[in-house]
Amino acid sequence: MHASLTSGDWNGEEDKMEYLLNDLDVYLVRDNGFMGWYMNQSLEDPNRSGYVDPNYMRNRGR
Protein backbone atom coordinates (compact mmCIF):
# COMPACT_ATOMS: atom_id res chain seq x y z
CA MET A 1 0.00 0.00 0.00
CA HIS A 2 1.39 3.41 -0.92
CA ALA A 3 1.08 4.83 2.61
CA SER A 4 3.19 5.35 5.72
CA LEU A 5 2.70 4.84 9.45
CA THR A 6 3.29 8.52 10.13
CA SER A 7 0.51 9.72 7.84
CA GLY A 8 -2.23 11.75 9.50
CA ASP A 9 -4.74 9.69 7.52
CA TRP A 10 -4.56 7.00 10.21
CA ASN A 11 -5.79 9.34 12.97
CA GLY A 12 -9.00 7.81 14.27
CA GLU A 13 -8.54 4.83 11.94
CA GLU A 14 -6.21 2.75 14.06
CA ASP A 15 -8.53 -0.26 13.96
CA LYS A 16 -8.45 -0.25 10.14
CA MET A 17 -4.67 0.11 10.15
CA GLU A 18 -4.36 -2.82 12.56
CA TYR A 19 -6.64 -4.95 10.36
CA LEU A 20 -4.77 -4.12 7.14
CA LEU A 21 -1.29 -4.63 8.54
CA ASN A 22 -1.85 -7.63 10.80
CA ASP A 23 -4.86 -9.53 9.49
CA LEU A 24 -4.43 -8.93 5.75
CA ASP A 25 -0.61 -8.77 5.88
CA VAL A 26 -0.47 -5.51 3.88
CA TYR A 27 2.89 -3.73 3.64
CA LEU A 28 3.43 0.03 3.59
CA VAL A 29 5.92 1.29 1.00
CA ARG A 30 5.64 5.06 0.94
CA ASP A 31 8.68 5.65 3.17
CA ASN A 32 10.87 2.91 1.70
CA GLY A 33 13.26 5.52 0.31
CA PHE A 34 14.34 6.48 3.81
CA MET A 35 16.02 3.13 4.40
CA GLY A 36 18.81 3.89 1.92
CA TRP A 37 19.43 7.26 3.52
CA TYR A 38 19.56 5.79 7.02
CA MET A 39 21.90 3.03 5.86
CA ASN A 40 24.26 5.58 4.30
CA GLN A 41 24.32 7.58 7.55
CA SER A 42 24.74 4.60 9.82
CA LEU A 43 27.79 3.51 11.74
CA GLU A 44 29.51 0.22 11.05
CA ASP A 45 29.20 -2.60 13.56
CA PRO A 46 32.56 -2.70 15.38
CA ASN A 47 32.26 -6.50 15.63
CA ARG A 48 31.21 -7.25 12.03
CA SER A 49 32.80 -5.38 9.18
CA GLY A 50 30.33 -4.34 6.48
CA TYR A 51 27.27 -4.51 8.76
CA VAL A 52 25.34 -1.69 10.38
CA ASP A 53 25.86 -1.22 14.10
CA PRO A 54 22.62 -2.57 15.64
CA ASN A 55 22.83 -0.07 18.52
CA TYR A 56 22.89 2.79 16.03
CA MET A 57 19.79 1.46 14.23
CA ARG A 58 17.93 0.85 17.52
CA ASN A 59 18.57 4.43 18.60
CA ARG A 60 17.51 5.82 15.20
CA GLY A 61 14.34 3.73 15.37
CA ARG A 62 13.26 5.44 18.54
PDB file of N, CA and C in Angstrom:
ATOM      1  N   MET A   1       0.846  -1.164   0.000  1.00  0.00           N
ATOM      2  CA  MET A   1       0.000   0.000   0.000  1.00  0.00           C
ATOM      3  C   MET A   1       0.897   1.235   0.000  1.00  0.00           C
ATOM      4  N   HIS A   2       0.607   2.181  -0.849  1.00  0.00           N
ATOM      5  CA  HIS A   2       1.387   3.411  -0.918  1.00  0.00           C
ATOM      6  C   HIS A   2       0.926   4.341   0.199  1.00  0.00           C
ATOM      7  N   ALA A   3       1.419   4.059   1.412  1.00  0.00           N
ATOM      8  CA  ALA A   3       1.079   4.832   2.610  1.00  0.00           C
ATOM      9  C   ALA A   3       2.226   4.688   3.594  1.00  0.00           C
ATOM     10  N   SER A   4       2.168   5.450   4.683  1.00  0.00           N
ATOM     11  CA  SER A   4       3.193   5.354   5.721  1.00  0.00           C
ATOM     12  C   SER A   4       2.529   5.362   7.089  1.00  0.00           C
ATOM     13  N   LEU A   5       3.234   4.870   8.084  1.00  0.00           N
ATOM     14  CA  LEU A   5       2.699   4.843   9.446  1.00  0.00           C
ATOM     15  C   LEU A   5       2.539   6.231  10.023  1.00  0.00           C
ATOM     16  N   THR A   6       3.329   7.183   9.561  1.00  0.00           N
ATOM     17  CA  THR A   6       3.294   8.525  10.126  1.00  0.00           C
ATOM     18  C   THR A   6       2.265   9.434   9.469  1.00  0.00           C
ATOM     19  N   SER A   7       1.527   8.924   8.522  1.00  0.00           N
ATOM     20  CA  SER A   7       0.515   9.723   7.837  1.00  0.00           C
ATOM     21  C   SER A   7      -0.626  10.080   8.783  1.00  0.00           C
ATOM     22  N   GLY A   8      -1.096  11.312   8.691  1.00  0.00           N
ATOM     23  CA  GLY A   8      -2.231  11.750   9.496  1.00  0.00           C
ATOM     24  C   GLY A   8      -3.533  11.078   9.098  1.00  0.00           C
ATOM     25  N   ASP A   9      -3.535  10.391   7.972  1.00  0.00           N
ATOM     26  CA  ASP A   9      -4.743   9.695   7.522  1.00  0.00           C
ATOM     27  C   ASP A   9      -5.156   8.567   8.461  1.00  0.00           C
ATOM     28  N   TRP A  10      -4.242   8.089   9.278  1.00  0.00           N
ATOM     29  CA  TRP A  10      -4.560   7.001  10.209  1.00  0.00           C
ATOM     30  C   TRP A  10      -5.221   7.497  11.485  1.00  0.00           C
ATOM     31  N   ASN A  11      -5.192   8.797  11.742  1.00  0.00           N
ATOM     32  CA  ASN A  11      -5.793   9.340  12.968  1.00  0.00           C
ATOM     33  C   ASN A  11      -7.270   8.954  13.042  1.00  0.00           C
ATOM     34  N   GLY A  12      -7.632   8.279  14.093  1.00  0.00           N
ATOM     35  CA  GLY A  12      -9.004   7.815  14.265  1.00  0.00           C
ATOM     36  C   GLY A  12      -9.323   6.544  13.495  1.00  0.00           C
ATOM     37  N   GLU A  13      -8.342   6.028  12.764  1.00  0.00           N
ATOM     38  CA  GLU A  13      -8.542   4.830  11.942  1.00  0.00           C
ATOM     39  C   GLU A  13      -7.598   3.708  12.349  1.00  0.00           C
ATOM     40  N   GLU A  14      -7.175   3.720  13.603  1.00  0.00           N
ATOM     41  CA  GLU A  14      -6.205   2.745  14.062  1.00  0.00           C
ATOM     42  C   GLU A  14      -6.693   1.309  13.913  1.00  0.00           C
ATOM     43  N   ASP A  15      -7.994   1.093  14.100  1.00  0.00           N
ATOM     44  CA  ASP A  15      -8.532  -0.260  13.956  1.00  0.00           C
ATOM     45  C   ASP A  15      -8.400  -0.756  12.520  1.00  0.00           C
ATOM     46  N   LYS A  16      -8.616   0.134  11.558  1.00  0.00           N
ATOM     47  CA  LYS A  16      -8.451  -0.251  10.145  1.00  0.00           C
ATOM     48  C   LYS A  16      -6.987  -0.522   9.827  1.00  0.00           C
ATOM     49  N   MET A  17      -6.096   0.309  10.371  1.00  0.00           N
ATOM     50  CA  MET A  17      -4.675   0.107  10.154  1.00  0.00           C
ATOM     51  C   MET A  17      -4.244  -1.245  10.724  1.00  0.00           C
ATOM     52  N   GLU A  18      -4.679  -1.546  11.919  1.00  0.00           N
ATOM     53  CA  GLU A  18      -4.360  -2.825  12.557  1.00  0.00           C
ATOM     54  C   GLU A  18      -4.851  -3.995  11.708  1.00  0.00           C
ATOM     55  N   TYR A  19      -6.068  -3.902  11.201  1.00  0.00           N
ATOM     56  CA  TYR A  19      -6.643  -4.953  10.359  1.00  0.00           C
ATOM     57  C   TYR A  19      -5.832  -5.134   9.070  1.00  0.00           C
ATOM     58  N   LEU A  20      -5.524  -4.041   8.397  1.00  0.00           N
ATOM     59  CA  LEU A  20      -4.768  -4.123   7.143  1.00  0.00           C
ATOM     60  C   LEU A  20      -3.384  -4.719   7.348  1.00  0.00           C
ATOM     61  N   LEU A  21      -2.671  -4.219   8.347  1.00  0.00           N
ATOM     62  CA  LEU A  21      -1.288  -4.635   8.538  1.00  0.00           C
ATOM     63  C   LEU A  21      -1.158  -6.029   9.138  1.00  0.00           C
ATOM     64  N   ASN A  22      -2.004  -6.354  10.094  1.00  0.00           N
ATOM     65  CA  ASN A  22      -1.846  -7.627  10.795  1.00  0.00           C
ATOM     66  C   ASN A  22      -2.717  -8.751  10.263  1.00  0.00           C
ATOM     67  N   ASP A  23      -3.960  -8.461   9.957  1.00  0.00           N
ATOM     68  CA  ASP A  23      -4.856  -9.525   9.491  1.00  0.00           C
ATOM     69  C   ASP A  23      -4.690  -9.809   7.997  1.00  0.00           C
ATOM     70  N   LEU A  24      -4.559  -8.747   7.201  1.00  0.00           N
ATOM     71  CA  LEU A  24      -4.432  -8.931   5.752  1.00  0.00           C
ATOM     72  C   LEU A  24      -2.978  -8.966   5.280  1.00  0.00           C
ATOM     73  N   ASP A  25      -2.038  -8.724   6.191  1.00  0.00           N
ATOM     74  CA  ASP A  25      -0.608  -8.769   5.883  1.00  0.00           C
ATOM     75  C   ASP A  25      -0.223  -7.785   4.771  1.00  0.00           C
ATOM     76  N   VAL A  26      -0.782  -6.574   4.838  1.00  0.00           N
ATOM     77  CA  VAL A  26      -0.470  -5.511   3.880  1.00  0.00           C
ATOM     78  C   VAL A  26       0.812  -4.814   4.320  1.00  0.00           C
ATOM     79  N   TYR A  27       1.633  -4.429   3.361  1.00  0.00           N
ATOM     80  CA  TYR A  27       2.889  -3.732   3.644  1.00  0.00           C
ATOM     81  C   TYR A  27       2.802  -2.292   3.172  1.00  0.00           C
ATOM     82  N   LEU A  28       3.408  -1.394   3.936  1.00  0.00           N
ATOM     83  CA  LEU A  28       3.434   0.025   3.594  1.00  0.00           C
ATOM     84  C   LEU A  28       4.757   0.327   2.891  1.00  0.00           C
ATOM     85  N   VAL A  29       4.693   1.060   1.773  1.00  0.00           N
ATOM     86  CA  VAL A  29       5.918   1.289   0.998  1.00  0.00           C
ATOM     87  C   VAL A  29       6.217   2.758   0.738  1.00  0.00           C
ATOM     88  N   ARG A  30       5.432   3.653   1.257  1.00  0.00           N
ATOM     89  CA  ARG A  30       5.644   5.059   0.943  1.00  0.00           C
ATOM     90  C   ARG A  30       6.987   5.575   1.436  1.00  0.00           C
ATOM     91  N   ASP A  31       7.433   5.150   2.596  1.00  0.00           N
ATOM     92  CA  ASP A  31       8.682   5.647   3.171  1.00  0.00           C
ATOM     93  C   ASP A  31       9.872   4.736   2.898  1.00  0.00           C
ATOM     94  N   ASN A  32       9.773   3.824   1.977  1.00  0.00           N
ATOM     95  CA  ASN A  32      10.874   2.906   1.703  1.00  0.00           C
ATOM     96  C   ASN A  32      12.156   3.619   1.306  1.00  0.00           C
ATOM     97  N   GLY A  33      12.074   4.788   0.725  1.00  0.00           N
ATOM     98  CA  GLY A  33      13.257   5.521   0.312  1.00  0.00           C
ATOM     99  C   GLY A  33      14.132   5.967   1.464  1.00  0.00           C
ATOM    100  N   PHE A  34      13.560   6.061   2.648  1.00  0.00           N
ATOM    101  CA  PHE A  34      14.340   6.480   3.814  1.00  0.00           C
ATOM    102  C   PHE A  34      15.374   5.449   4.226  1.00  0.00           C
ATOM    103  N   MET A  35      15.105   4.183   3.960  1.00  0.00           N
ATOM    104  CA  MET A  35      16.025   3.134   4.402  1.00  0.00           C
ATOM    105  C   MET A  35      17.412   3.346   3.809  1.00  0.00           C
ATOM    106  N   GLY A  36      17.506   3.644   2.539  1.00  0.00           N
ATOM    107  CA  GLY A  36      18.807   3.889   1.918  1.00  0.00           C
ATOM    108  C   GLY A  36      19.540   5.045   2.563  1.00  0.00           C
ATOM    109  N   TRP A  37      18.819   6.103   2.870  1.00  0.00           N
ATOM    110  CA  TRP A  37      19.433   7.259   3.519  1.00  0.00           C
ATOM    111  C   TRP A  37      19.959   6.883   4.898  1.00  0.00           C
ATOM    112  N   TYR A  38      19.129   6.191   5.683  1.00  0.00           N
ATOM    113  CA  TYR A  38      19.565   5.786   7.020  1.00  0.00           C
ATOM    114  C   TYR A  38      20.776   4.840   6.951  1.00  0.00           C
ATOM    115  N   MET A  39      20.773   3.942   5.987  1.00  0.00           N
ATOM    116  CA  MET A  39      21.899   3.025   5.862  1.00  0.00           C
ATOM    117  C   MET A  39      23.179   3.781   5.515  1.00  0.00           C
ATOM    118  N   ASN A  40      23.084   4.794   4.665  1.00  0.00           N
ATOM    119  CA  ASN A  40      24.265   5.578   4.298  1.00  0.00           C
ATOM    120  C   ASN A  40      24.776   6.425   5.456  1.00  0.00           C
ATOM    121  N   GLN A  41      23.929   6.773   6.396  1.00  0.00           N
ATOM    122  CA  GLN A  41      24.317   7.583   7.553  1.00  0.00           C
ATOM    123  C   GLN A  41      24.768   6.738   8.733  1.00  0.00           C
ATOM    124  N   SER A  42      24.531   5.462   8.663  1.00  0.00           N
ATOM    125  CA  SER A  42      24.741   4.600   9.823  1.00  0.00           C
ATOM    126  C   SER A  42      26.215   4.340  10.105  1.00  0.00           C
ATOM    127  N   LEU A  43      26.454   3.893  11.305  1.00  0.00           N
ATOM    128  CA  LEU A  43      27.786   3.514  11.741  1.00  0.00           C
ATOM    129  C   LEU A  43      27.983   2.022  11.512  1.00  0.00           C
ATOM    130  N   GLU A  44      29.207   1.632  11.280  1.00  0.00           N
ATOM    131  CA  GLU A  44      29.507   0.221  11.053  1.00  0.00           C
ATOM    132  C   GLU A  44      29.594  -0.522  12.381  1.00  0.00           C
ATOM    133  N   ASP A  45      29.119  -1.740  12.383  1.00  0.00           N
ATOM    134  CA  ASP A  45      29.200  -2.600  13.557  1.00  0.00           C
ATOM    135  C   ASP A  45      30.677  -2.859  13.859  1.00  0.00           C
ATOM    136  N   PRO A  46      31.139  -2.507  15.059  1.00  0.00           N
ATOM    137  CA  PRO A  46      32.559  -2.703  15.378  1.00  0.00           C
ATOM    138  C   PRO A  46      32.958  -4.178  15.419  1.00  0.00           C
ATOM    139  N   ASN A  47      31.973  -5.067  15.547  1.00  0.00           N
ATOM    140  CA  ASN A  47      32.261  -6.503  15.633  1.00  0.00           C
ATOM    141  C   ASN A  47      32.099  -7.238  14.309  1.00  0.00           C
ATOM    142  N   ARG A  48      31.450  -6.583  13.322  1.00  0.00           N
ATOM    143  CA  ARG A  48      31.205  -7.246  12.035  1.00  0.00           C
ATOM    144  C   ARG A  48      31.381  -6.235  10.911  1.00  0.00           C
ATOM    145  N   SER A  49      32.494  -6.295  10.265  1.00  0.00           N
ATOM    146  CA  SER A  49      32.802  -5.380   9.177  1.00  0.00           C
ATOM    147  C   SER A  49      31.764  -5.506   8.057  1.00  0.00           C
ATOM    148  N   GLY A  50      31.295  -4.346   7.575  1.00  0.00           N
ATOM    149  CA  GLY A  50      30.332  -4.343   6.478  1.00  0.00           C
ATOM    150  C   GLY A  50      28.881  -4.370   6.922  1.00  0.00           C
ATOM    151  N   TYR A  51      28.626  -4.484   8.222  1.00  0.00           N
ATOM    152  CA  TYR A  51      27.266  -4.514   8.760  1.00  0.00           C
ATOM    153  C   TYR A  51      26.997  -3.246   9.569  1.00  0.00           C
ATOM    154  N   VAL A  52      25.735  -2.864   9.609  1.00  0.00           N
ATOM    155  CA  VAL A  52      25.341  -1.690  10.384  1.00  0.00           C
ATOM    156  C   VAL A  52      25.375  -2.021  11.870  1.00  0.00           C
ATOM    157  N   ASP A  53      25.835  -1.068  12.651  1.00  0.00           N
ATOM    158  CA  ASP A  53      25.863  -1.217  14.102  1.00  0.00           C
ATOM    159  C   ASP A  53      24.416  -1.302  14.605  1.00  0.00           C
ATOM    160  N   PRO A  54      24.016  -2.422  15.195  1.00  0.00           N
ATOM    161  CA  PRO A  54      22.625  -2.572  15.641  1.00  0.00           C
ATOM    162  C   PRO A  54      22.221  -1.540  16.698  1.00  0.00           C
ATOM    163  N   ASN A  55      23.159  -1.100  17.519  1.00  0.00           N
ATOM    164  CA  ASN A  55      22.835  -0.070  18.516  1.00  0.00           C
ATOM    165  C   ASN A  55      22.482   1.239  17.836  1.00  0.00           C
ATOM    166  N   TYR A  56      23.187   1.566  16.776  1.00  0.00           N
ATOM    167  CA  TYR A  56      22.890   2.790  16.030  1.00  0.00           C
ATOM    168  C   TYR A  56      21.467   2.719  15.466  1.00  0.00           C
ATOM    169  N   MET A  57      21.116   1.603  14.843  1.00  0.00           N
ATOM    170  CA  MET A  57      19.790   1.462  14.233  1.00  0.00           C
ATOM    171  C   MET A  57      18.693   1.460  15.294  1.00  0.00           C
ATOM    172  N   ARG A  58      18.929   0.832  16.439  1.00  0.00           N
ATOM    173  CA  ARG A  58      17.932   0.855  17.522  1.00  0.00           C
ATOM    174  C   ARG A  58      17.661   2.288  17.975  1.00  0.00           C
ATOM    175  N   ASN A  59      18.727   3.044  18.157  1.00  0.00           N
ATOM    176  CA  ASN A  59      18.569   4.434  18.600  1.00  0.00           C
ATOM    177  C   ASN A  59      17.865   5.280  17.545  1.00  0.00           C
ATOM    178  N   ARG A  60      18.165   5.080  16.273  1.00  0.00           N
ATOM    179  CA  ARG A  60      17.510   5.823  15.195  1.00  0.00           C
ATOM    180  C   ARG A  60      16.035   5.437  15.104  1.00  0.00           C
ATOM    181  N   GLY A  61      15.715   4.196  15.431  1.00  0.00           N
ATOM    182  CA  GLY A  61      14.335   3.727  15.368  1.00  0.00           C
ATOM    183  C   GLY A  61      13.443   4.330  16.434  1.00  0.00           C
ATOM    184  N   ARG A  62      14.050   4.819  17.476  1.00  0.00           N
ATOM    185  CA  ARG A  62      13.260   5.437  18.543  1.00  0.00           C
ATOM    186  C   ARG A  62      12.790   6.787  18.120  1.00  0.00           C
TER     187      ARG A  62
END
